[in-house]
């Protein structure tokens, strides 16, 4: 696997983790975006593995979901 493929796989895994945690809490993408002070489209792109994020965004997602980083980074 090339570096580009590694990054793509990691982004997709992160997005899947985020979607799973959000869904398990019964939270919509819209609500997560509101709590994390993000655009809904940004949350959609993160969950689809279509964008990389800043550490500050990771912290916002963690706080909004009430989880630590390891939960969202599991398997990456």
PDB file of N, CA and C in Angstrom:
ATOM      1  N   UNK A   1       0.854  -1.184   0.000  1.00  0.00           N
ATOM      2  CA  UNK A   1       0.000   0.000   0.000  1.00  0.00           C
ATOM      3  C   UNK A   1       0.894   1.238   0.000  1.00  0.00           C
ATOM      4  N   UNK A   2       0.608   2.169  -0.863  1.00  0.00           N
ATOM      5  CA  UNK A   2       1.387   3.402  -0.919  1.00  0.00           C
ATOM      6  C   UNK A   2       0.947   4.346   0.191  1.00  0.00           C
ATOM      7  N   UNK A   3       1.736   5.386   0.391  1.00  0.00           N
ATOM      8  CA  UNK A   3       1.421   6.359   1.437  1.00  0.00           C
ATOM      9  C   UNK A   3       0.048   6.998   1.207  1.00  0.00           C
ATOM     10  N   UNK A   4      -0.253   7.341  -0.037  1.00  0.00           N
ATOM     11  CA  UNK A   4      -1.560   7.921  -0.354  1.00  0.00           C
ATOM     12  C   UNK A   4      -2.698   6.992  -0.007  1.00  0.00           C
ATOM     13  N   UNK A   5      -2.498   5.699  -0.294  1.00  0.00           N
ATOM     14  CA  UNK A   5      -3.534   4.713   0.040  1.00  0.00           C
ATOM     15  C   UNK A   5      -3.649   4.538   1.552  1.00  0.00           C
ATOM     16  N   UNK A   6      -2.500   4.611   2.252  1.00  0.00           N
ATOM     17  CA  UNK A   6      -2.512   4.513   3.717  1.00  0.00           C
ATOM     18  C   UNK A   6      -3.338   5.644   4.308  1.00  0.00           C
ATOM     19  N   UNK A   7      -3.091   6.846   3.833  1.00  0.00           N
ATOM     20  CA  UNK A   7      -3.808   8.012   4.346  1.00  0.00           C
ATOM     21  C   UNK A   7      -5.298   7.888   4.052  1.00  0.00           C
ATOM     22  N   UNK A   8      -5.631   7.474   2.847  1.00  0.00           N
ATOM     23  CA  UNK A   8      -7.045   7.305   2.474  1.00  0.00           C
ATOM     24  C   UNK A   8      -7.722   6.285   3.379  1.00  0.00           C
ATOM     25  N   UNK A   9      -7.046   5.178   3.640  1.00  0.00           N
ATOM     26  CA  UNK A   9      -7.607   4.141   4.515  1.00  0.00           C
ATOM     27  C   UNK A   9      -7.782   4.666   5.934  1.00  0.00           C
ATOM     28  N   UNK A  10      -6.826   5.452   6.410  1.00  0.00           N
ATOM     29  CA  UNK A  10      -6.913   6.016   7.753  1.00  0.00           C
ATOM     30  C   UNK A  10      -8.070   7.001   7.865  1.00  0.00           C
ATOM     31  N   UNK A  11      -8.246   7.841   6.848  1.00  0.00           N
ATOM     32  CA  UNK A  11      -9.348   8.804   6.866  1.00  0.00           C
ATOM     33  C   UNK A  11     -10.692   8.086   6.842  1.00  0.00           C
ATOM     34  N   UNK A  12     -10.798   7.027   6.058  1.00  0.00           N
ATOM     35  CA  UNK A  12     -12.049   6.260   6.004  1.00  0.00           C
ATOM     36  C   UNK A  12     -12.315   5.560   7.335  1.00  0.00           C
ATOM     37  N   UNK A  13     -11.271   5.024   7.956  1.00  0.00           N
ATOM     38  CA  UNK A  13     -11.433   4.361   9.256  1.00  0.00           C
ATOM     39  C   UNK A  13     -11.864   5.365  10.323  1.00  0.00           C
ATOM     40  N   UNK A  14     -11.251   6.534  10.329  1.00  0.00           N
ATOM     41  CA  UNK A  14     -11.641   7.571  11.280  1.00  0.00           C
ATOM     42  C   UNK A  14     -13.097   7.956  11.064  1.00  0.00           C
ATOM     43  N   UNK A  15     -13.474   8.167   9.810  1.00  0.00           N
ATOM     44  CA  UNK A  15     -14.854   8.537   9.484  1.00  0.00           C
ATOM     45  C   UNK A  15     -15.852   7.483   9.936  1.00  0.00           C
ATOM     46  N   UNK A  16     -15.489   6.216   9.737  1.00  0.00           N
ATOM     47  CA  UNK A  16     -16.370   5.122  10.162  1.00  0.00           C
ATOM     48  C   UNK A  16     -16.500   5.099  11.682  1.00  0.00           C
ATOM     49  N   UNK A  17     -15.388   5.321  12.385  1.00  0.00           N
ATOM     50  CA  UNK A  17     -15.430   5.381  13.852  1.00  0.00           C
ATOM     51  C   UNK A  17     -16.325   6.526  14.321  1.00  0.00           C
ATOM     52  N   UNK A  18     -16.157   7.686  13.698  1.00  0.00           N
ATOM     53  CA  UNK A  18     -16.965   8.849  14.065  1.00  0.00           C
ATOM     54  C   UNK A  18     -18.443   8.561  13.839  1.00  0.00           C
ATOM     55  N   UNK A  19     -18.775   8.009  12.691  1.00  0.00           N
ATOM     56  CA  UNK A  19     -20.167   7.688  12.366  1.00  0.00           C
ATOM     57  C   UNK A  19     -20.753   6.701  13.367  1.00  0.00           C
ATOM     58  N   UNK A  20     -19.958   5.688  13.731  1.00  0.00           N
ATOM     59  CA  UNK A  20     -20.435   4.659  14.660  1.00  0.00           C
ATOM     60  C   UNK A  20     -20.704   5.258  16.034  1.00  0.00           C
ATOM     61  N   UNK A  21     -19.785   6.061  16.535  1.00  0.00           N
ATOM     62  CA  UNK A  21     -19.959   6.673  17.857  1.00  0.00           C
ATOM     63  C   UNK A  21     -21.158   7.622  17.846  1.00  0.00           C
ATOM     64  N   UNK A  22     -21.232   8.449  16.825  1.00  0.00           N
ATOM     65  CA  UNK A  22     -22.345   9.405  16.717  1.00  0.00           C
ATOM     66  C   UNK A  22     -23.678   8.675  16.654  1.00  0.00           C
ATOM     67  N   UNK A  23     -23.749   7.670  15.797  1.00  0.00           N
ATOM     68  CA  UNK A  23     -24.995   6.921  15.627  1.00  0.00           C
ATOM     69  C   UNK A  23     -25.395   6.173  16.896  1.00  0.00           C
ATOM     70  N   UNK A  24     -24.392   5.630  17.594  1.00  0.00           N
ATOM     71  CA  UNK A  24     -24.691   4.872  18.815  1.00  0.00           C
ATOM     72  C   UNK A  24     -25.287   5.767  19.897  1.00  0.00           C
ATOM     73  N   UNK A  25     -25.041   7.064  19.784  1.00  0.00           N
ATOM     74  CA  UNK A  25     -25.601   8.028  20.732  1.00  0.00           C
ATOM     75  C   UNK A  25     -26.914   8.623  20.233  1.00  0.00           C
ATOM     76  N   UNK A  26     -27.366   8.170  19.064  1.00  0.00           N
ATOM     77  CA  UNK A  26     -28.617   8.684  18.514  1.00  0.00           C
ATOM     78  C   UNK A  26     -28.498  10.127  18.054  1.00  0.00           C
ATOM     79  N   UNK A  27     -27.274  10.538  17.736  1.00  0.00           N
ATOM     80  CA  UNK A  27     -27.035  11.922  17.362  1.00  0.00           C
ATOM     81  C   UNK A  27     -27.002  12.063  15.840  1.00  0.00           C
ATOM     82  N   UNK A  28     -27.621  13.114  15.343  1.00  0.00           N
ATOM     83  CA  UNK A  28     -27.582  13.384  13.902  1.00  0.00           C
ATOM     84  C   UNK A  28     -26.288  14.111  13.549  1.00  0.00           C
ATOM     85  N   UNK A  29     -25.963  14.099  12.267  1.00  0.00           N
ATOM     86  CA  UNK A  29     -24.814  14.872  11.800  1.00  0.00           C
ATOM     87  C   UNK A  29     -25.023  16.356  12.084  1.00  0.00           C
ATOM     88  N   UNK A  30     -26.243  16.799  11.937  1.00  0.00           N
ATOM     89  CA  UNK A  30     -26.566  18.202  12.173  1.00  0.00           C
ATOM     90  C   UNK A  30     -26.312  18.581  13.632  1.00  0.00           C
ATOM     91  N   UNK A  31     -26.708  17.715  14.555  1.00  0.00           N
ATOM     92  CA  UNK A  31     -26.510  17.998  15.984  1.00  0.00           C
ATOM     93  C   UNK A  31     -25.028  17.981  16.338  1.00  0.00           C
ATOM     94  N   UNK A  32     -24.294  17.012  15.795  1.00  0.00           N
ATOM     95  CA  UNK A  32     -22.859  16.961  16.050  1.00  0.00           C
ATOM     96  C   UNK A  32     -22.182  18.218  15.520  1.00  0.00           C
ATOM     97  N   UNK A  33     -22.554  18.634  14.335  1.00  0.00           N
ATOM     98  CA  UNK A  33     -21.981  19.846  13.755  1.00  0.00           C
ATOM     99  C   UNK A  33     -22.245  21.050  14.655  1.00  0.00           C
ATOM    100  N   UNK A  34     -23.456  21.134  15.154  1.00  0.00           N
ATOM    101  CA  UNK A  34     -23.827  22.245  16.036  1.00  0.00           C
ATOM    102  C   UNK A  34     -22.994  22.231  17.318  1.00  0.00           C
ATOM    103  N   UNK A  35     -22.897  21.068  17.945  1.00  0.00           N
ATOM    104  CA  UNK A  35     -22.153  20.956  19.200  1.00  0.00           C
ATOM    105  C   UNK A  35     -20.657  21.215  19.005  1.00  0.00           C
ATOM    106  N   UNK A  36     -20.120  20.767  17.886  1.00  0.00           N
ATOM    107  CA  UNK A  36     -18.691  20.902  17.616  1.00  0.00           C
ATOM    108  C   UNK A  36     -18.348  22.218  16.913  1.00  0.00           C
ATOM    109  N   UNK A  37     -19.374  23.012  16.657  1.00  0.00           N
ATOM    110  CA  UNK A  37     -19.203  24.284  15.951  1.00  0.00           C
ATOM    111  C   UNK A  37     -18.528  24.080  14.601  1.00  0.00           C
ATOM    112  N   UNK A  38     -19.071  23.103  13.847  1.00  0.00           N
ATOM    113  CA  UNK A  38     -18.602  22.789  12.506  1.00  0.00           C
ATOM    114  C   UNK A  38     -19.761  22.902  11.533  1.00  0.00           C
ATOM    115  N   UNK A  39     -19.433  23.011  10.275  1.00  0.00           N
ATOM    116  CA  UNK A  39     -20.436  22.994   9.223  1.00  0.00           C
ATOM    117  C   UNK A  39     -20.908  21.548   9.029  1.00  0.00           C
ATOM    118  N   UNK A  40     -22.179  21.351   8.766  1.00  0.00           N
ATOM    119  CA  UNK A  40     -22.712  19.996   8.554  1.00  0.00           C
ATOM    120  C   UNK A  40     -21.964  19.306   7.421  1.00  0.00           C
ATOM    121  N   UNK A  41     -21.663  20.035   6.373  1.00  0.00           N
ATOM    122  CA  UNK A  41     -20.940  19.451   5.231  1.00  0.00           C
ATOM    123  C   UNK A  41     -19.567  18.950   5.676  1.00  0.00           C
ATOM    124  N   UNK A  42     -18.943  19.638   6.614  1.00  0.00           N
ATOM    125  CA  UNK A  42     -17.647  19.198   7.131  1.00  0.00           C
ATOM    126  C   UNK A  42     -17.787  17.860   7.838  1.00  0.00           C
ATOM    127  N   UNK A  43     -18.797  17.716   8.668  1.00  0.00           N
ATOM    128  CA  UNK A  43     -19.046  16.441   9.354  1.00  0.00           C
ATOM    129  C   UNK A  43     -19.308  15.345   8.324  1.00  0.00           C
ATOM    130  N   UNK A  44     -20.086  15.634   7.305  1.00  0.00           N
ATOM    131  CA  UNK A  44     -20.364  14.651   6.254  1.00  0.00           C
ATOM    132  C   UNK A  44     -19.074  14.209   5.565  1.00  0.00           C
ATOM    133  N   UNK A  45     -18.209  15.163   5.247  1.00  0.00           N
ATOM    134  CA  UNK A  45     -16.948  14.853   4.570  1.00  0.00           C
ATOM    135  C   UNK A  45     -16.003  14.063   5.473  1.00  0.00           C
ATOM    136  N   UNK A  46     -15.987  14.382   6.758  1.00  0.00           N
ATOM    137  CA  UNK A  46     -15.142  13.631   7.693  1.00  0.00           C
ATOM    138  C   UNK A  46     -15.624  12.184   7.771  1.00  0.00           C
ATOM    139  N   UNK A  47     -16.921  11.999   7.931  1.00  0.00           N
ATOM    140  CA  UNK A  47     -17.468  10.645   8.034  1.00  0.00           C
ATOM    141  C   UNK A  47     -17.268   9.841   6.755  1.00  0.00           C
ATOM    142  N   UNK A  48     -17.225  10.509   5.626  1.00  0.00           N
ATOM    143  CA  UNK A  48     -17.011   9.828   4.347  1.00  0.00           C
ATOM    144  C   UNK A  48     -15.526   9.590   4.067  1.00  0.00           C
ATOM    145  N   UNK A  49     -14.655  10.073   4.943  1.00  0.00           N
ATOM    146  CA  UNK A  49     -13.226   9.908   4.746  1.00  0.00           C
ATOM    147  C   UNK A  49     -12.682  10.769   3.619  1.00  0.00           C
ATOM    148  N   UNK A  50     -13.353  11.880   3.361  1.00  0.00           N
ATOM    149  CA  UNK A  50     -12.989  12.736   2.236  1.00  0.00           C
ATOM    150  C   UNK A  50     -12.147  13.940   2.625  1.00  0.00           C
ATOM    151  N   UNK A  51     -11.856  14.095   3.918  1.00  0.00           N
ATOM    152  CA  UNK A  51     -11.073  15.250   4.344  1.00  0.00           C
ATOM    153  C   UNK A  51     -10.258  14.910   5.579  1.00  0.00           C
ATOM    154  N   UNK A  52      -9.114  15.534   5.675  1.00  0.00           N
ATOM    155  CA  UNK A  52      -8.273  15.406   6.847  1.00  0.00           C
ATOM    156  C   UNK A  52      -8.713  16.495   7.832  1.00  0.00           C
ATOM    157  N   UNK A  53      -8.405  16.315   9.105  1.00  0.00           N
ATOM    158  CA  UNK A  53      -8.848  17.304  10.088  1.00  0.00           C
ATOM    159  C   UNK A  53      -7.681  17.803  10.922  1.00  0.00           C
ATOM    160  N   UNK A  54      -7.877  18.941  11.522  1.00  0.00           N
ATOM    161  CA  UNK A  54      -6.916  19.505  12.463  1.00  0.00           C
ATOM    162  C   UNK A  54      -7.115  18.876  13.835  1.00  0.00           C
ATOM    163  N   UNK A  55      -6.096  18.954  14.662  1.00  0.00           N
ATOM    164  CA  UNK A  55      -6.206  18.457  16.032  1.00  0.00           C
ATOM    165  C   UNK A  55      -7.314  19.197  16.778  1.00  0.00           C
ATOM    166  N   UNK A  56      -7.475  20.479  16.512  1.00  0.00           N
ATOM    167  CA  UNK A  56      -8.524  21.244  17.182  1.00  0.00           C
ATOM    168  C   UNK A  56      -9.908  20.702  16.828  1.00  0.00           C
ATOM    169  N   UNK A  57     -10.063  20.228  15.604  1.00  0.00           N
ATOM    170  CA  UNK A  57     -11.343  19.625  15.206  1.00  0.00           C
ATOM    171  C   UNK A  57     -11.552  18.306  15.932  1.00  0.00           C
ATOM    172  N   UNK A  58     -10.492  17.521  16.074  1.00  0.00           N
ATOM    173  CA  UNK A  58     -10.580  16.264  16.824  1.00  0.00           C
ATOM    174  C   UNK A  58     -11.019  16.540  18.258  1.00  0.00           C
ATOM    175  N   UNK A  59     -10.439  17.551  18.867  1.00  0.00           N
ATOM    176  CA  UNK A  59     -10.801  17.907  20.248  1.00  0.00           C
ATOM    177  C   UNK A  59     -12.270  18.313  20.319  1.00  0.00           C
ATOM    178  N   UNK A  60     -12.732  19.099  19.375  1.00  0.00           N
ATOM    179  CA  UNK A  60     -14.152  19.507  19.352  1.00  0.00           C
ATOM    180  C   UNK A  60     -15.071  18.290  19.222  1.00  0.00           C
ATOM    181  N   UNK A  61     -14.709  17.365  18.344  1.00  0.00           N
ATOM    182  CA  UNK A  61     -15.527  16.155  18.161  1.00  0.00           C
ATOM    183  C   UNK A  61     -15.538  15.326  19.435  1.00  0.00           C
ATOM    184  N   UNK A  62     -14.362  15.151  20.047  1.00  0.00           N
ATOM    185  CA  UNK A  62     -14.276  14.391  21.304  1.00  0.00           C
ATOM    186  C   UNK A  62     -15.193  14.984  22.366  1.00  0.00           C
ATOM    187  N   UNK A  63     -15.095  16.293  22.557  1.00  0.00           N
ATOM    188  CA  UNK A  63     -15.908  16.960  23.579  1.00  0.00           C
ATOM    189  C   UNK A  63     -17.389  16.855  23.264  1.00  0.00           C
ATOM    190  N   UNK A  64     -17.739  17.019  22.013  1.00  0.00           N
ATOM    191  CA  UNK A  64     -19.152  16.981  21.613  1.00  0.00           C
ATOM    192  C   UNK A  64     -19.762  15.597  21.796  1.00  0.00           C
ATOM    193  N   UNK A  65     -18.939  14.567  21.610  1.00  0.00           N
ATOM    194  CA  UNK A  65     -19.421  13.193  21.740  1.00  0.00           C
ATOM    195  C   UNK A  65     -19.178  12.620  23.133  1.00  0.00           C
ATOM    196  N   UNK A  66     -18.389  13.327  23.939  1.00  0.00           N
ATOM    197  CA  UNK A  66     -18.086  12.837  25.286  1.00  0.00           C
ATOM    198  C   UNK A  66     -17.197  11.606  25.281  1.00  0.00           C
ATOM    199  N   UNK A  67     -16.282  11.528  24.305  1.00  0.00           N
ATOM    200  CA  UNK A  67     -15.358  10.393  24.214  1.00  0.00           C
ATOM    201  C   UNK A  67     -13.932  10.920  24.148  1.00  0.00           C
ATOM    202  N   UNK A  68     -12.967  10.013  24.362  1.00  0.00           N
ATOM    203  CA  UNK A  68     -11.578  10.431  24.202  1.00  0.00           C
ATOM    204  C   UNK A  68     -11.092  10.069  22.802  1.00  0.00           C
ATOM    205  N   UNK A  69      -9.949  10.590  22.452  1.00  0.00           N
ATOM    206  CA  UNK A  69      -9.413  10.426  21.098  1.00  0.00           C
ATOM    207  C   UNK A  69      -9.246   8.970  20.703  1.00  0.00           C
ATOM    208  N   UNK A  70      -8.899   8.112  21.655  1.00  0.00           N
ATOM    209  CA  UNK A  70      -8.670   6.710  21.320  1.00  0.00           C
ATOM    210  C   UNK A  70      -9.909   6.048  20.739  1.00  0.00           C
ATOM    211  N   UNK A  71     -11.064   6.481  21.144  1.00  0.00           N
ATOM    212  CA  UNK A  71     -12.316   5.921  20.620  1.00  0.00           C
ATOM    213  C   UNK A  71     -12.451   6.210  19.112  1.00  0.00           C
ATOM    214  N   UNK A  72     -12.099   7.421  18.709  1.00  0.00           N
ATOM    215  CA  UNK A  72     -12.220   7.804  17.304  1.00  0.00           C
ATOM    216  C   UNK A  72     -11.024   7.323  16.479  1.00  0.00           C
ATOM    217  N   UNK A  73      -9.894   7.082  17.125  1.00  0.00           N
ATOM    218  CA  UNK A  73      -8.695   6.666  16.417  1.00  0.00           C
ATOM    219  C   UNK A  73      -8.494   5.151  16.450  1.00  0.00           C
ATOM    220  N   UNK A  74      -9.416   4.418  17.018  1.00  0.00           N
ATOM    221  CA  UNK A  74      -9.314   2.964  17.143  1.00  0.00           C
ATOM    222  C   UNK A  74      -9.087   2.315  15.786  1.00  0.00           C
ATOM    223  N   UNK A  75      -8.048   1.494  15.692  1.00  0.00           N
ATOM    224  CA  UNK A  75      -7.783   0.752  14.476  1.00  0.00           C
ATOM    225  C   UNK A  75      -7.035   1.507  13.403  1.00  0.00           C
ATOM    226  N   UNK A  76      -6.602   2.701  13.722  1.00  0.00           N
ATOM    227  CA  UNK A  76      -5.892   3.519  12.727  1.00  0.00           C
ATOM    228  C   UNK A  76      -4.399   3.424  12.960  1.00  0.00           C
TER     229      UNK A  76
END
